[in-house]
Amino acid sequence: MTLLEQLVENIARCIVGKDEAIRLVVAALLARGHILIEDVPGVGKTMLARSLARSIDARFCRIQFTPDLLPSDITGVSVYNQKEQTFEFRRGPIFTQILLADELNRA
């Protein structure tokens, strides 16, 4: 069994009945592409992204988009460190390997 087949099989253990979606997600990963998954609530979109991240040992982060979401909520902010008397950049969720942008239409 190839490494690719093992990856698909590992994700399929978590996501039942979505074989086509799993194959497409893995294909997009290999092509270094982006993925837009649209479906009704409760069918495993978040679980698919999480299981992909776990299967390849990647960092996963989820952003819940809302109308009041600020760009700094995504990119991060500079925070003043009084002890060091310098600004420190605190990375936002965009600095991850697999990012799930949930409810993107609300932003």
PDB file of N, CA and C in Angstrom:
ATOM      1  N   MET A   1       0.854  -1.181   0.000  1.00  0.00           N
ATOM      2  CA  MET A   1       0.000   0.000   0.000  1.00  0.00           C
ATOM      3  C   MET A   1       0.898   1.242   0.000  1.00  0.00           C
ATOM      4  N   THR A   2       0.630   2.149  -0.905  1.00  0.00           N
ATOM      5  CA  THR A   2       1.448   3.354  -1.009  1.00  0.00           C
ATOM      6  C   THR A   2       1.113   4.328   0.109  1.00  0.00           C
ATOM      7  N   LEU A   3       1.990   5.287   0.280  1.00  0.00           N
ATOM      8  CA  LEU A   3       1.786   6.314   1.299  1.00  0.00           C
ATOM      9  C   LEU A   3       0.511   7.108   1.027  1.00  0.00           C
ATOM     10  N   LEU A   4       0.248   7.365  -0.233  1.00  0.00           N
ATOM     11  CA  LEU A   4      -0.958   8.095  -0.622  1.00  0.00           C
ATOM     12  C   LEU A   4      -2.216   7.305  -0.279  1.00  0.00           C
ATOM     13  N   GLU A   5      -2.197   6.024  -0.547  1.00  0.00           N
ATOM     14  CA  GLU A   5      -3.343   5.174  -0.204  1.00  0.00           C
ATOM     15  C   GLU A   5      -3.540   5.095   1.308  1.00  0.00           C
ATOM     16  N   GLN A   6      -2.443   5.072   2.046  1.00  0.00           N
ATOM     17  CA  GLN A   6      -2.534   5.066   3.506  1.00  0.00           C
ATOM     18  C   GLN A   6      -3.162   6.357   4.016  1.00  0.00           C
ATOM     19  N   LEU A   7      -2.799   7.479   3.389  1.00  0.00           N
ATOM     20  CA  LEU A   7      -3.366   8.768   3.777  1.00  0.00           C
ATOM     21  C   LEU A   7      -4.873   8.783   3.540  1.00  0.00           C
ATOM     22  N   VAL A   8      -5.301   8.361   2.369  1.00  0.00           N
ATOM     23  CA  VAL A   8      -6.731   8.327   2.047  1.00  0.00           C
ATOM     24  C   VAL A   8      -7.466   7.391   2.998  1.00  0.00           C
ATOM     25  N   GLU A   9      -6.887   6.237   3.273  1.00  0.00           N
ATOM     26  CA  GLU A   9      -7.522   5.270   4.172  1.00  0.00           C
ATOM     27  C   GLU A   9      -7.624   5.809   5.596  1.00  0.00           C
ATOM     28  N   ASN A  10      -6.594   6.501   6.041  1.00  0.00           N
ATOM     29  CA  ASN A  10      -6.604   7.068   7.389  1.00  0.00           C
ATOM     30  C   ASN A  10      -7.693   8.126   7.539  1.00  0.00           C
ATOM     31  N   ILE A  11      -7.845   8.976   6.552  1.00  0.00           N
ATOM     32  CA  ILE A  11      -8.894  10.000   6.598  1.00  0.00           C
ATOM     33  C   ILE A  11     -10.269   9.343   6.512  1.00  0.00           C
ATOM     34  N   ALA A  12     -10.379   8.297   5.697  1.00  0.00           N
ATOM     35  CA  ALA A  12     -11.663   7.602   5.518  1.00  0.00           C
ATOM     36  C   ALA A  12     -12.133   6.910   6.797  1.00  0.00           C
ATOM     37  N   ARG A  13     -11.218   6.645   7.725  1.00  0.00           N
ATOM     38  CA  ARG A  13     -11.629   6.079   9.018  1.00  0.00           C
ATOM     39  C   ARG A  13     -12.463   7.071   9.819  1.00  0.00           C
ATOM     40  N   CYS A  14     -12.190   8.348   9.635  1.00  0.00           N
ATOM     41  CA  CYS A  14     -12.925   9.393  10.364  1.00  0.00           C
ATOM     42  C   CYS A  14     -14.148   9.874   9.597  1.00  0.00           C
ATOM     43  N   ILE A  15     -14.043   9.928   8.298  1.00  0.00           N
ATOM     44  CA  ILE A  15     -15.101  10.465   7.444  1.00  0.00           C
ATOM     45  C   ILE A  15     -15.692   9.321   6.625  1.00  0.00           C
ATOM     46  N   VAL A  16     -16.879   8.900   6.977  1.00  0.00           N
ATOM     47  CA  VAL A  16     -17.516   7.760   6.310  1.00  0.00           C
ATOM     48  C   VAL A  16     -18.447   8.265   5.207  1.00  0.00           C
ATOM     49  N   GLY A  17     -18.339   7.665   4.029  1.00  0.00           N
ATOM     50  CA  GLY A  17     -19.254   7.982   2.939  1.00  0.00           C
ATOM     51  C   GLY A  17     -18.885   9.190   2.111  1.00  0.00           C
ATOM     52  N   LYS A  18     -17.709   9.737   2.295  1.00  0.00           N
ATOM     53  CA  LYS A  18     -17.270  10.921   1.547  1.00  0.00           C
ATOM     54  C   LYS A  18     -15.985  10.619   0.775  1.00  0.00           C
ATOM     55  N   ASP A  19     -15.956   9.465   0.119  1.00  0.00           N
ATOM     56  CA  ASP A  19     -14.742   9.029  -0.572  1.00  0.00           C
ATOM     57  C   ASP A  19     -14.295  10.008  -1.649  1.00  0.00           C
ATOM     58  N   GLU A  20     -15.228  10.538  -2.404  1.00  0.00           N
ATOM     59  CA  GLU A  20     -14.885  11.491  -3.468  1.00  0.00           C
ATOM     60  C   GLU A  20     -14.295  12.769  -2.877  1.00  0.00           C
ATOM     61  N   ALA A  21     -14.898  13.283  -1.816  1.00  0.00           N
ATOM     62  CA  ALA A  21     -14.386  14.491  -1.160  1.00  0.00           C
ATOM     63  C   ALA A  21     -12.982  14.250  -0.616  1.00  0.00           C
ATOM     64  N   ILE A  22     -12.751  13.086  -0.043  1.00  0.00           N
ATOM     65  CA  ILE A  22     -11.426  12.761   0.500  1.00  0.00           C
ATOM     66  C   ILE A  22     -10.391  12.726  -0.617  1.00  0.00           C
ATOM     67  N   ARG A  23     -10.715  12.083  -1.720  1.00  0.00           N
ATOM     68  CA  ARG A  23      -9.778  12.019  -2.847  1.00  0.00           C
ATOM     69  C   ARG A  23      -9.478  13.414  -3.403  1.00  0.00           C
ATOM     70  N   LEU A  24     -10.491  14.252  -3.485  1.00  0.00           N
ATOM     71  CA  LEU A  24     -10.280  15.611  -3.999  1.00  0.00           C
ATOM     72  C   LEU A  24      -9.432  16.453  -3.050  1.00  0.00           C
ATOM     73  N   VAL A  25      -9.652  16.295  -1.755  1.00  0.00           N
ATOM     74  CA  VAL A  25      -8.865  17.037  -0.766  1.00  0.00           C
ATOM     75  C   VAL A  25      -7.399  16.608  -0.834  1.00  0.00           C
ATOM     76  N   VAL A  26      -7.158  15.320  -0.935  1.00  0.00           N
ATOM     77  CA  VAL A  26      -5.782  14.824  -1.034  1.00  0.00           C
ATOM     78  C   VAL A  26      -5.142  15.286  -2.344  1.00  0.00           C
ATOM     79  N   ALA A  27      -5.900  15.297  -3.431  1.00  0.00           N
ATOM     80  CA  ALA A  27      -5.377  15.784  -4.715  1.00  0.00           C
ATOM     81  C   ALA A  27      -5.002  17.258  -4.622  1.00  0.00           C
ATOM     82  N   ALA A  28      -5.834  18.057  -3.961  1.00  0.00           N
ATOM     83  CA  ALA A  28      -5.530  19.480  -3.784  1.00  0.00           C
ATOM     84  C   ALA A  28      -4.288  19.667  -2.917  1.00  0.00           C
ATOM     85  N   LEU A  29      -4.132  18.824  -1.918  1.00  0.00           N
ATOM     86  CA  LEU A  29      -2.942  18.875  -1.068  1.00  0.00           C
ATOM     87  C   LEU A  29      -1.687  18.599  -1.895  1.00  0.00           C
ATOM     88  N   LEU A  30      -1.738  17.573  -2.723  1.00  0.00           N
ATOM     89  CA  LEU A  30      -0.587  17.231  -3.564  1.00  0.00           C
ATOM     90  C   LEU A  30      -0.283  18.322  -4.586  1.00  0.00           C
ATOM     91  N   ALA A  31      -1.325  19.005  -5.056  1.00  0.00           N
ATOM     92  CA  ALA A  31      -1.155  20.073  -6.045  1.00  0.00           C
ATOM     93  C   ALA A  31      -0.833  21.415  -5.395  1.00  0.00           C
ATOM     94  N   ARG A  32      -0.728  21.411  -4.052  1.00  0.00           N
ATOM     95  CA  ARG A  32      -0.484  22.645  -3.286  1.00  0.00           C
ATOM     96  C   ARG A  32      -1.557  23.690  -3.565  1.00  0.00           C
ATOM     97  N   GLY A  33      -2.779  23.214  -3.692  1.00  0.00           N
ATOM     98  CA  GLY A  33      -3.893  24.101  -3.991  1.00  0.00           C
ATOM     99  C   GLY A  33      -4.733  24.420  -2.774  1.00  0.00           C
ATOM    100  N   HIS A  34      -5.769  25.160  -3.005  1.00  0.00           N
ATOM    101  CA  HIS A  34      -6.719  25.528  -1.968  1.00  0.00           C
ATOM    102  C   HIS A  34      -8.000  24.744  -2.199  1.00  0.00           C
ATOM    103  N   ILE A  35      -8.791  24.630  -1.154  1.00  0.00           N
ATOM    104  CA  ILE A  35     -10.008  23.828  -1.230  1.00  0.00           C
ATOM    105  C   ILE A  35     -11.177  24.661  -0.722  1.00  0.00           C
ATOM    106  N   LEU A  36     -12.277  24.641  -1.437  1.00  0.00           N
ATOM    107  CA  LEU A  36     -13.522  25.238  -0.973  1.00  0.00           C
ATOM    108  C   LEU A  36     -14.535  24.111  -0.849  1.00  0.00           C
ATOM    109  N   ILE A  37     -14.945  23.845   0.381  1.00  0.00           N
ATOM    110  CA  ILE A  37     -15.924  22.791   0.634  1.00  0.00           C
ATOM    111  C   ILE A  37     -17.229  23.464   1.019  1.00  0.00           C
ATOM    112  N   GLU A  38     -18.246  23.270   0.213  1.00  0.00           N
ATOM    113  CA  GLU A  38     -19.571  23.815   0.502  1.00  0.00           C
ATOM    114  C   GLU A  38     -20.534  22.657   0.684  1.00  0.00           C
ATOM    115  N   ASP A  39     -21.275  22.683   1.781  1.00  0.00           N
ATOM    116  CA  ASP A  39     -22.252  21.633   2.049  1.00  0.00           C
ATOM    117  C   ASP A  39     -23.145  22.104   3.187  1.00  0.00           C
ATOM    118  N   VAL A  40     -24.183  21.354   3.447  1.00  0.00           N
ATOM    119  CA  VAL A  40     -25.102  21.685   4.535  1.00  0.00           C
ATOM    120  C   VAL A  40     -24.404  21.447   5.872  1.00  0.00           C
ATOM    121  N   PRO A  41     -24.916  22.053   6.946  1.00  0.00           N
ATOM    122  CA  PRO A  41     -24.291  21.866   8.257  1.00  0.00           C
ATOM    123  C   PRO A  41     -24.344  20.416   8.726  1.00  0.00           C
ATOM    124  N   GLY A  42     -23.283  20.021   9.413  1.00  0.00           N
ATOM    125  CA  GLY A  42     -23.270  18.733  10.077  1.00  0.00           C
ATOM    126  C   GLY A  42     -22.865  17.534   9.253  1.00  0.00           C
ATOM    127  N   VAL A  43     -22.205  17.745   8.123  1.00  0.00           N
ATOM    128  CA  VAL A  43     -21.832  16.603   7.289  1.00  0.00           C
ATOM    129  C   VAL A  43     -20.339  16.268   7.356  1.00  0.00           C
ATOM    130  N   GLY A  44     -19.576  16.979   8.173  1.00  0.00           N
ATOM    131  CA  GLY A  44     -18.187  16.609   8.406  1.00  0.00           C
ATOM    132  C   GLY A  44     -17.133  17.438   7.710  1.00  0.00           C
ATOM    133  N   LYS A  45     -17.447  18.665   7.343  1.00  0.00           N
ATOM    134  CA  LYS A  45     -16.451  19.505   6.677  1.00  0.00           C
ATOM    135  C   LYS A  45     -15.279  19.806   7.613  1.00  0.00           C
ATOM    136  N   THR A  46     -15.584  20.190   8.837  1.00  0.00           N
ATOM    137  CA  THR A  46     -14.539  20.479   9.816  1.00  0.00           C
ATOM    138  C   THR A  46     -13.768  19.214  10.161  1.00  0.00           C
ATOM    139  N   MET A  47     -14.460  18.121  10.327  1.00  0.00           N
ATOM    140  CA  MET A  47     -13.805  16.853  10.644  1.00  0.00           C
ATOM    141  C   MET A  47     -12.878  16.417   9.512  1.00  0.00           C
ATOM    142  N   LEU A  48     -13.267  16.677   8.281  1.00  0.00           N
ATOM    143  CA  LEU A  48     -12.419  16.348   7.135  1.00  0.00           C
ATOM    144  C   LEU A  48     -11.104  17.124   7.204  1.00  0.00           C
ATOM    145  N   ALA A  49     -11.197  18.422   7.479  1.00  0.00           N
ATOM    146  CA  ALA A  49      -9.988  19.244   7.572  1.00  0.00           C
ATOM    147  C   ALA A  49      -9.121  18.812   8.752  1.00  0.00           C
ATOM    148  N   ARG A  50      -9.743  18.544   9.892  1.00  0.00           N
ATOM    149  CA  ARG A  50      -8.985  18.100  11.073  1.00  0.00           C
ATOM    150  C   ARG A  50      -8.305  16.757  10.836  1.00  0.00           C
ATOM    151  N   SER A  51      -9.023  15.827  10.242  1.00  0.00           N
ATOM    152  CA  SER A  51      -8.438  14.502  10.021  1.00  0.00           C
ATOM    153  C   SER A  51      -7.318  14.557   8.986  1.00  0.00           C
ATOM    154  N   LEU A  52      -7.437  15.437   7.998  1.00  0.00           N
ATOM    155  CA  LEU A  52      -6.343  15.626   7.048  1.00  0.00           C
ATOM    156  C   LEU A  52      -5.107  16.150   7.772  1.00  0.00           C
ATOM    157  N   ALA A  53      -5.299  17.158   8.612  1.00  0.00           N
ATOM    158  CA  ALA A  53      -4.176  17.733   9.355  1.00  0.00           C
ATOM    159  C   ALA A  53      -3.517  16.696  10.259  1.00  0.00           C
ATOM    160  N   ARG A  54      -4.315  15.934  10.968  1.00  0.00           N
ATOM    161  CA  ARG A  54      -3.750  14.907  11.851  1.00  0.00           C
ATOM    162  C   ARG A  54      -3.029  13.824  11.065  1.00  0.00           C
ATOM    163  N   SER A  55      -3.561  13.484   9.914  1.00  0.00           N
ATOM    164  CA  SER A  55      -2.969  12.413   9.113  1.00  0.00           C
ATOM    165  C   SER A  55      -1.595  12.777   8.569  1.00  0.00           C
ATOM    166  N   ILE A  56      -1.367  14.058   8.328  1.00  0.00           N
ATOM    167  CA  ILE A  56      -0.063  14.480   7.805  1.00  0.00           C
ATOM    168  C   ILE A  56       0.760  15.212   8.860  1.00  0.00           C
ATOM    169  N   ASP A  57       0.298  15.163  10.109  1.00  0.00           N
ATOM    170  CA  ASP A  57       0.987  15.793  11.238  1.00  0.00           C
ATOM    171  C   ASP A  57       1.214  17.284  10.984  1.00  0.00           C
ATOM    172  N   ALA A  58       0.150  17.961  10.578  1.00  0.00           N
ATOM    173  CA  ALA A  58       0.207  19.391  10.281  1.00  0.00           C
ATOM    174  C   ALA A  58      -0.553  20.179  11.342  1.00  0.00           C
ATOM    175  N   ARG A  59      -0.160  21.433  11.503  1.00  0.00           N
ATOM    176  CA  ARG A  59      -0.889  22.319  12.417  1.00  0.00           C
ATOM    177  C   ARG A  59      -2.217  22.698  11.768  1.00  0.00           C
ATOM    178  N   PHE A  60      -3.271  22.700  12.565  1.00  0.00           N
ATOM    179  CA  PHE A  60      -4.619  23.004  12.087  1.00  0.00           C
ATOM    180  C   PHE A  60      -5.168  24.157  12.904  1.00  0.00           C
ATOM    181  N   CYS A  61      -5.838  25.068  12.233  1.00  0.00           N
ATOM    182  CA  CYS A  61      -6.490  26.174  12.921  1.00  0.00           C
ATOM    183  C   CYS A  61      -7.806  26.474  12.212  1.00  0.00           C
ATOM    184  N   ARG A  62      -8.771  26.914  12.992  1.00  0.00           N
ATOM    185  CA  ARG A  62     -10.099  27.213  12.456  1.00  0.00           C
ATOM    186  C   ARG A  62     -10.462  28.652  12.811  1.00  0.00           C
ATOM    187  N   ILE A  63     -10.963  29.378  11.836  1.00  0.00           N
ATOM    188  CA  ILE A  63     -11.442  30.742  12.066  1.00  0.00           C
ATOM    189  C   ILE A  63     -12.942  30.749  11.821  1.00  0.00           C
ATOM    190  N   GLN A  64     -13.688  31.208  12.800  1.00  0.00           N
ATOM    191  CA  GLN A  64     -15.134  31.374  12.644  1.00  0.00           C
ATOM    192  C   GLN A  64     -15.363  32.803  12.161  1.00  0.00           C
ATOM    193  N   PHE A  65     -15.734  32.958  10.919  1.00  0.00           N
ATOM    194  CA  PHE A  65     -15.933  34.292  10.370  1.00  0.00           C
ATOM    195  C   PHE A  65     -17.245  34.876  10.869  1.00  0.00           C
ATOM    196  N   THR A  66     -17.183  36.126  11.285  1.00  0.00           N
ATOM    197  CA  THR A  66     -18.340  36.874  11.765  1.00  0.00           C
ATOM    198  C   THR A  66     -18.271  38.277  11.174  1.00  0.00           C
ATOM    199  N   PRO A  67     -19.378  39.020  11.189  1.00  0.00           N
ATOM    200  CA  PRO A  67     -19.349  40.374  10.632  1.00  0.00           C
ATOM    201  C   PRO A  67     -18.373  41.312  11.346  1.00  0.00           C
ATOM    202  N   ASP A  68     -18.071  41.053  12.621  1.00  0.00           N
ATOM    203  CA  ASP A  68     -17.183  41.944  13.365  1.00  0.00           C
ATOM    204  C   ASP A  68     -15.731  41.460  13.408  1.00  0.00           C
ATOM    205  N   LEU A  69     -15.382  40.481  12.601  1.00  0.00           N
ATOM    206  CA  LEU A  69     -14.018  39.959  12.558  1.00  0.00           C
ATOM    207  C   LEU A  69     -13.083  41.015  11.979  1.00  0.00           C
ATOM    208  N   LEU A  70     -11.962  41.236  12.629  1.00  0.00           N
ATOM    209  CA  LEU A  70     -10.981  42.220  12.180  1.00  0.00           C
ATOM    210  C   LEU A  70      -9.821  41.529  11.471  1.00  0.00           C
ATOM    211  N   PRO A  71      -9.147  42.234  10.575  1.00  0.00           N
ATOM    212  CA  PRO A  71      -7.975  41.632   9.927  1.00  0.00           C
ATOM    213  C   PRO A  71      -6.927  41.145  10.926  1.00  0.00           C
ATOM    214  N   SER A  72      -6.758  41.870  12.016  1.00  0.00           N
ATOM    215  CA  SER A  72      -5.775  41.460  13.026  1.00  0.00           C
ATOM    216  C   SER A  72      -6.177  40.167  13.731  1.00  0.00           C
ATOM    217  N   ASP A  73      -7.465  39.837  13.715  1.00  0.00           N
ATOM    218  CA  ASP A  73      -7.907  38.559  14.279  1.00  0.00           C
ATOM    219  C   ASP A  73      -7.397  37.390  13.443  1.00  0.00           C
ATOM    220  N   ILE A  74      -7.063  37.661  12.208  1.00  0.00           N
ATOM    221  CA  ILE A  74      -6.586  36.623  11.298  1.00  0.00           C
ATOM    222  C   ILE A  74      -5.063  36.638  11.198  1.00  0.00           C
ATOM    223  N   THR A  75      -4.499  37.826  11.005  1.00  0.00           N
ATOM    224  CA  THR A  75      -3.057  37.929  10.778  1.00  0.00           C
ATOM    225  C   THR A  75      -2.243  37.962  12.057  1.00  0.00           C
ATOM    226  N   GLY A  76      -2.811  38.501  13.119  1.00  0.00           N
ATOM    227  CA  GLY A  76      -2.090  38.634  14.379  1.00  0.00           C
ATOM    228  C   GLY A  76      -1.922  40.096  14.754  1.00  0.00           C
ATOM    229  N   VAL A  77      -1.341  40.335  15.918  1.00  0.00           N
ATOM    230  CA  VAL A  77      -1.187  41.693  16.422  1.00  0.00           C
ATOM    231  C   VAL A  77       0.194  41.871  17.044  1.00  0.00           C
ATOM    232  N   SER A  78       0.622  43.120  17.117  1.00  0.00           N
ATOM    233  CA  SER A  78       1.835  43.466  17.848  1.00  0.00           C
ATOM    234  C   SER A  78       1.426  43.915  19.239  1.00  0.00           C
ATOM    235  N   VAL A  79       2.012  43.287  20.233  1.00  0.00           N
ATOM    236  CA  VAL A  79       1.680  43.569  21.629  1.00  0.00           C
ATOM    237  C   VAL A  79       2.927  44.110  22.308  1.00  0.00           C
ATOM    238  N   TYR A  80       2.736  45.169  23.086  1.00  0.00           N
ATOM    239  CA  TYR A  80       3.865  45.777  23.787  1.00  0.00           C
ATOM    240  C   TYR A  80       4.242  44.946  25.006  1.00  0.00           C
ATOM    241  N   ASN A  81       5.509  44.583  25.087  1.00  0.00           N
ATOM    242  CA  ASN A  81       6.044  43.849  26.224  1.00  0.00           C
ATOM    243  C   ASN A  81       6.734  44.854  27.134  1.00  0.00           C
ATOM    244  N   GLN A  82       6.112  45.153  28.278  1.00  0.00           N
ATOM    245  CA  GLN A  82       6.659  46.159  29.182  1.00  0.00           C
ATOM    246  C   GLN A  82       8.000  45.732  29.772  1.00  0.00           C
ATOM    247  N   LYS A  83       8.153  44.459  30.005  1.00  0.00           N
ATOM    248  CA  LYS A  83       9.389  43.953  30.591  1.00  0.00           C
ATOM    249  C   LYS A  83      10.576  44.189  29.658  1.00  0.00           C
ATOM    250  N   GLU A  84      10.403  43.895  28.378  1.00  0.00           N
ATOM    251  CA  GLU A  84      11.464  44.058  27.375  1.00  0.00           C
ATOM    252  C   GLU A  84      11.436  45.439  26.725  1.00  0.00           C
ATOM    253  N   GLN A  85      10.352  46.157  26.903  1.00  0.00           N
ATOM    254  CA  GLN A  85      10.105  47.468  26.296  1.00  0.00           C
ATOM    255  C   GLN A  85      10.221  47.411  24.765  1.00  0.00           C
ATOM    256  N   THR A  86       9.625  46.364  24.216  1.00  0.00           N
ATOM    257  CA  THR A  86       9.579  46.202  22.764  1.00  0.00           C
ATOM    258  C   THR A  86       8.212  45.644  22.379  1.00  0.00           C
ATOM    259  N   PHE A  87       7.914  45.746  21.112  1.00  0.00           N
ATOM    260  CA  PHE A  87       6.691  45.140  20.600  1.00  0.00           C
ATOM    261  C   PHE A  87       7.001  43.715  20.149  1.00  0.00           C
ATOM    262  N   GLU A  88       6.091  42.816  20.466  1.00  0.00           N
ATOM    263  CA  GLU A  88       6.215  41.424  20.046  1.00  0.00           C
ATOM    264  C   GLU A  88       5.027  41.091  19.155  1.00  0.00           C
ATOM    265  N   PHE A  89       5.313  40.416  18.072  1.00  0.00           N
ATOM    266  CA  PHE A  89       4.242  40.023  17.168  1.00  0.00           C
ATOM    267  C   PHE A  89       3.663  38.696  17.625  1.00  0.00           C
ATOM    268  N   ARG A  90       2.369  38.676  17.850  1.00  0.00           N
ATOM    269  CA  ARG A  90       1.658  37.444  18.201  1.00  0.00           C
ATOM    270  C   ARG A  90       0.926  36.975  16.953  1.00  0.00           C
ATOM    271  N   ARG A  91       1.369  35.861  16.441  1.00  0.00           N
ATOM    272  CA  ARG A  91       0.816  35.347  15.188  1.00  0.00           C
ATOM    273  C   ARG A  91      -0.655  34.979  15.322  1.00  0.00           C
ATOM    274  N   GLY A  92      -1.378  35.255  14.262  1.00  0.00           N
ATOM    275  CA  GLY A  92      -2.778  34.868  14.194  1.00  0.00           C
ATOM    276  C   GLY A  92      -2.923  33.490  13.571  1.00  0.00           C
ATOM    277  N   PRO A  93      -4.144  33.040  13.411  1.00  0.00           N
ATOM    278  CA  PRO A  93      -4.384  31.693  12.901  1.00  0.00           C
ATOM    279  C   PRO A  93      -3.976  31.481  11.436  1.00  0.00           C
ATOM    280  N   ILE A  94      -3.718  32.552  10.707  1.00  0.00           N
ATOM    281  CA  ILE A  94      -3.318  32.396   9.307  1.00  0.00           C
ATOM    282  C   ILE A  94      -1.952  31.721   9.195  1.00  0.00           C
ATOM    283  N   PHE A  95      -1.170  31.783  10.261  1.00  0.00           N
ATOM    284  CA  PHE A  95       0.163  31.182  10.268  1.00  0.00           C
ATOM    285  C   PHE A  95       0.086  29.721  10.705  1.00  0.00           C
ATOM    286  N   THR A  96      -0.635  28.957   9.965  1.00  0.00           N
ATOM    287  CA  THR A  96      -0.782  27.536  10.229  1.00  0.00           C
ATOM    288  C   THR A  96      -0.639  26.791   8.918  1.00  0.00           C
ATOM    289  N   GLN A  97      -0.581  25.491   8.989  1.00  0.00           N
ATOM    290  CA  GLN A  97      -0.410  24.717   7.762  1.00  0.00           C
ATOM    291  C   GLN A  97      -1.744  24.395   7.097  1.00  0.00           C
ATOM    292  N   ILE A  98      -2.751  24.095   7.903  1.00  0.00           N
ATOM    293  CA  ILE A  98      -4.093  23.865   7.367  1.00  0.00           C
ATOM    294  C   ILE A  98      -5.042  24.794   8.101  1.00  0.00           C
ATOM    295  N   LEU A  99      -5.684  25.668   7.349  1.00  0.00           N
ATOM    296  CA  LEU A  99      -6.581  26.670   7.920  1.00  0.00           C
ATOM    297  C   LEU A  99      -7.997  26.412   7.426  1.00  0.00           C
ATOM    298  N   LEU A 100      -8.920  26.348   8.358  1.00  0.00           N
ATOM    299  CA  LEU A 100     -10.330  26.213   8.015  1.00  0.00           C
ATOM    300  C   LEU A 100     -10.995  27.564   8.252  1.00  0.00           C
ATOM    301  N   ALA A 101     -11.468  28.180   7.185  1.00  0.00           N
ATOM    302  CA  ALA A 101     -12.191  29.449   7.274  1.00  0.00           C
ATOM    303  C   ALA A 101     -13.675  29.114   7.239  1.00  0.00           C
ATOM    304  N   ASP A 102     -14.290  29.054   8.412  1.00  0.00           N
ATOM    305  CA  ASP A 102     -15.680  28.621   8.527  1.00  0.00           C
ATOM    306  C   ASP A 102     -16.629  29.807   8.415  1.00  0.00           C
ATOM    307  N   GLU A 103     -17.745  29.592   7.726  1.00  0.00           N
ATOM    308  CA  GLU A 103     -18.763  30.635   7.515  1.00  0.00           C
ATOM    309  C   GLU A 103     -18.150  31.857   6.837  1.00  0.00           C
ATOM    310  N   LEU A 104     -17.373  31.613   5.810  1.00  0.00           N
ATOM    311  CA  LEU A 104     -16.673  32.672   5.082  1.00  0.00           C
ATOM    312  C   LEU A 104     -17.631  33.723   4.527  1.00  0.00           C
ATOM    313  N   ASN A 105     -18.850  33.324   4.227  1.00  0.00           N
ATOM    314  CA  ASN A 105     -19.834  34.241   3.654  1.00  0.00           C
ATOM    315  C   ASN A 105     -20.311  35.297   4.648  1.00  0.00           C
ATOM    316  N   ARG A 106     -20.049  35.138   5.924  1.00  0.00           N
ATOM    317  CA  ARG A 106     -20.499  36.104   6.934  1.00  0.00           C
ATOM    318  C   ARG A 106     -19.593  37.320   7.054  1.00  0.00           C
ATOM    319  N   ALA A 107     -18.367  37.205   6.617  1.00  0.00           N
ATOM    320  CA  ALA A 107     -17.394  38.285   6.819  1.00  0.00           C
ATOM    321  C   ALA A 107     -17.654  39.458   5.895  1.00  0.00           C
TER     322      ALA A 107
END
